[in-house]
N, C-alpha and C. Protein backbone atom coordinates (compact mmCIF):
# COMPACT_ATOMS: atom_id res chain seq x y z
N PHE A 1 -1.08 -17.47 8.54
CA PHE A 1 0.27 -16.99 8.34
C PHE A 1 0.31 -15.47 8.23
N ASN A 2 -0.61 -14.88 7.47
CA ASN A 2 -0.57 -13.43 7.26
C ASN A 2 -0.74 -12.66 8.57
N GLY A 3 -1.66 -13.11 9.42
CA GLY A 3 -1.85 -12.44 10.70
C GLY A 3 -0.64 -12.57 11.60
N ARG A 4 -0.06 -13.74 11.64
CA ARG A 4 1.14 -13.96 12.45
C ARG A 4 2.31 -13.13 11.92
N PHE A 5 2.44 -13.06 10.60
CA PHE A 5 3.49 -12.26 9.98
C PHE A 5 3.33 -10.80 10.40
N ARG A 6 2.13 -10.31 10.33
CA ARG A 6 1.87 -8.93 10.72
C ARG A 6 2.17 -8.72 12.19
N ASP A 7 1.65 -9.60 13.05
CA ASP A 7 1.83 -9.43 14.49
C ASP A 7 3.27 -9.59 14.93
N GLU A 8 3.97 -10.56 14.38
CA GLU A 8 5.31 -10.88 14.86
C GLU A 8 6.43 -10.22 14.07
N PHE A 9 6.15 -9.78 12.88
CA PHE A 9 7.22 -9.16 12.09
C PHE A 9 6.93 -7.68 11.84
N LEU A 10 5.88 -7.38 11.14
CA LEU A 10 5.63 -5.99 10.75
C LEU A 10 5.41 -5.07 11.94
N ASN A 11 4.78 -5.58 12.99
CA ASN A 11 4.53 -4.74 14.16
C ASN A 11 5.72 -4.63 15.10
N THR A 12 6.79 -5.39 14.85
CA THR A 12 7.92 -5.37 15.77
C THR A 12 9.23 -4.91 15.15
N GLU A 13 9.36 -4.99 13.84
CA GLU A 13 10.61 -4.63 13.17
C GLU A 13 10.53 -3.22 12.59
N LEU A 14 11.66 -2.54 12.65
CA LEU A 14 11.80 -1.25 11.99
C LEU A 14 12.81 -1.39 10.87
N PHE A 15 12.45 -0.91 9.70
CA PHE A 15 13.37 -0.95 8.57
C PHE A 15 13.22 0.34 7.79
N THR A 16 14.28 0.72 7.12
CA THR A 16 14.28 2.02 6.43
C THR A 16 14.30 1.90 4.91
N THR A 17 14.66 0.73 4.40
CA THR A 17 14.70 0.56 2.95
C THR A 17 13.99 -0.73 2.57
N ALA A 18 13.59 -0.82 1.32
CA ALA A 18 12.93 -2.04 0.84
C ALA A 18 13.88 -3.24 0.87
N PRO A 19 15.15 -3.10 0.46
CA PRO A 19 16.05 -4.26 0.54
C PRO A 19 16.24 -4.75 1.98
N GLU A 20 16.32 -3.83 2.91
CA GLU A 20 16.44 -4.23 4.32
C GLU A 20 15.19 -4.98 4.77
N ALA A 21 14.02 -4.50 4.39
CA ALA A 21 12.77 -5.16 4.74
C ALA A 21 12.74 -6.57 4.14
N GLN A 22 13.21 -6.73 2.92
CA GLN A 22 13.23 -8.04 2.27
C GLN A 22 14.14 -9.02 3.00
N ILE A 23 15.32 -8.55 3.40
CA ILE A 23 16.27 -9.41 4.13
C ILE A 23 15.68 -9.84 5.46
N LEU A 24 15.10 -8.89 6.19
CA LEU A 24 14.52 -9.22 7.49
C LEU A 24 13.31 -10.15 7.33
N ALA A 25 12.49 -9.92 6.32
CA ALA A 25 11.33 -10.77 6.09
C ALA A 25 11.76 -12.18 5.70
N ASP A 26 12.79 -12.30 4.88
CA ASP A 26 13.30 -13.62 4.50
C ASP A 26 13.82 -14.37 5.72
N ARG A 27 14.53 -13.67 6.59
CA ARG A 27 15.06 -14.30 7.81
C ARG A 27 13.91 -14.76 8.71
N TRP A 28 12.88 -13.91 8.88
CA TRP A 28 11.74 -14.27 9.71
C TRP A 28 11.02 -15.49 9.13
N ARG A 29 10.83 -15.49 7.81
CA ARG A 29 10.13 -16.60 7.14
C ARG A 29 10.90 -17.90 7.31
N TRP A 30 12.23 -17.85 7.17
CA TRP A 30 13.04 -19.06 7.34
C TRP A 30 12.91 -19.58 8.77
N GLU A 31 13.01 -18.69 9.77
CA GLU A 31 12.86 -19.11 11.16
C GLU A 31 11.47 -19.70 11.40
N TYR A 32 10.44 -19.06 10.86
CA TYR A 32 9.07 -19.53 11.03
C TYR A 32 8.88 -20.91 10.42
N ASN A 33 9.45 -21.13 9.25
CA ASN A 33 9.26 -22.40 8.55
C ASN A 33 10.24 -23.49 8.95
N SER A 34 11.28 -23.17 9.69
CA SER A 34 12.30 -24.15 10.02
C SER A 34 12.45 -24.42 11.51
N LEU A 35 12.32 -23.41 12.32
CA LEU A 35 12.68 -23.53 13.73
C LEU A 35 11.50 -23.55 14.70
N ARG A 36 10.31 -23.26 14.23
CA ARG A 36 9.16 -23.22 15.13
C ARG A 36 8.42 -24.54 15.15
N PRO A 37 7.99 -24.94 16.34
CA PRO A 37 7.19 -26.17 16.44
C PRO A 37 5.87 -26.02 15.68
N HIS A 38 5.43 -27.10 15.06
CA HIS A 38 4.18 -27.11 14.32
C HIS A 38 3.27 -28.20 14.89
N SER A 39 2.01 -27.87 15.06
CA SER A 39 1.07 -28.84 15.61
C SER A 39 0.90 -30.04 14.67
N ALA A 40 0.99 -29.82 13.38
CA ALA A 40 0.86 -30.93 12.43
C ALA A 40 2.03 -31.91 12.54
N LEU A 41 3.11 -31.49 13.15
CA LEU A 41 4.28 -32.35 13.33
C LEU A 41 4.41 -32.80 14.79
N GLN A 42 3.29 -32.82 15.51
CA GLN A 42 3.24 -33.22 16.92
C GLN A 42 4.18 -32.38 17.78
N GLY A 43 4.22 -31.08 17.52
CA GLY A 43 5.01 -30.15 18.32
C GLY A 43 6.49 -30.11 17.97
N ARG A 44 6.88 -30.83 16.93
CA ARG A 44 8.28 -30.80 16.51
C ARG A 44 8.48 -29.69 15.49
N THR A 45 9.72 -29.26 15.35
CA THR A 45 10.04 -28.30 14.30
C THR A 45 10.19 -29.06 12.99
N PRO A 46 10.05 -28.39 11.87
CA PRO A 46 10.28 -29.06 10.59
C PRO A 46 11.68 -29.66 10.48
N LEU A 47 12.68 -29.02 11.05
CA LEU A 47 14.03 -29.58 11.01
C LEU A 47 14.12 -30.86 11.80
N GLU A 48 13.47 -30.91 12.97
CA GLU A 48 13.45 -32.14 13.77
C GLU A 48 12.73 -33.26 13.02
N ALA A 49 11.61 -32.93 12.40
CA ALA A 49 10.85 -33.92 11.65
C ALA A 49 11.67 -34.46 10.48
N ALA A 50 12.39 -33.59 9.79
CA ALA A 50 13.21 -34.02 8.67
C ALA A 50 14.36 -34.91 9.13
N GLN A 51 14.96 -34.56 10.25
CA GLN A 51 16.05 -35.37 10.78
C GLN A 51 15.57 -36.73 11.19
N GLN A 52 14.38 -36.82 11.78
CA GLN A 52 13.83 -38.11 12.18
C GLN A 52 13.48 -38.93 10.94
N GLY A 53 13.03 -38.27 9.89
CA GLY A 53 12.71 -38.98 8.66
C GLY A 53 13.93 -39.57 8.00
N VAL A 54 15.05 -38.89 8.08
CA VAL A 54 16.30 -39.39 7.50
C VAL A 54 16.84 -40.54 8.34
N ALA A 55 16.70 -40.43 9.65
CA ALA A 55 17.23 -41.47 10.56
C ALA A 55 16.39 -42.74 10.52
N ALA A 56 15.11 -42.63 10.14
CA ALA A 56 14.23 -43.80 10.15
C ALA A 56 14.44 -44.74 9.01
């Protein structure tokens, strides 16, 4: 996670204040944990996995 955070967030975003950095980091973390496919979930996103769990 730390390497991906550095590569995909810190090396690509520009921010001028600490509060701005916190908001952008929170948004990136939410997208990473909610919208990205995960190999442990057979390539599904956590939201897809949760929806399938509710429907089952």
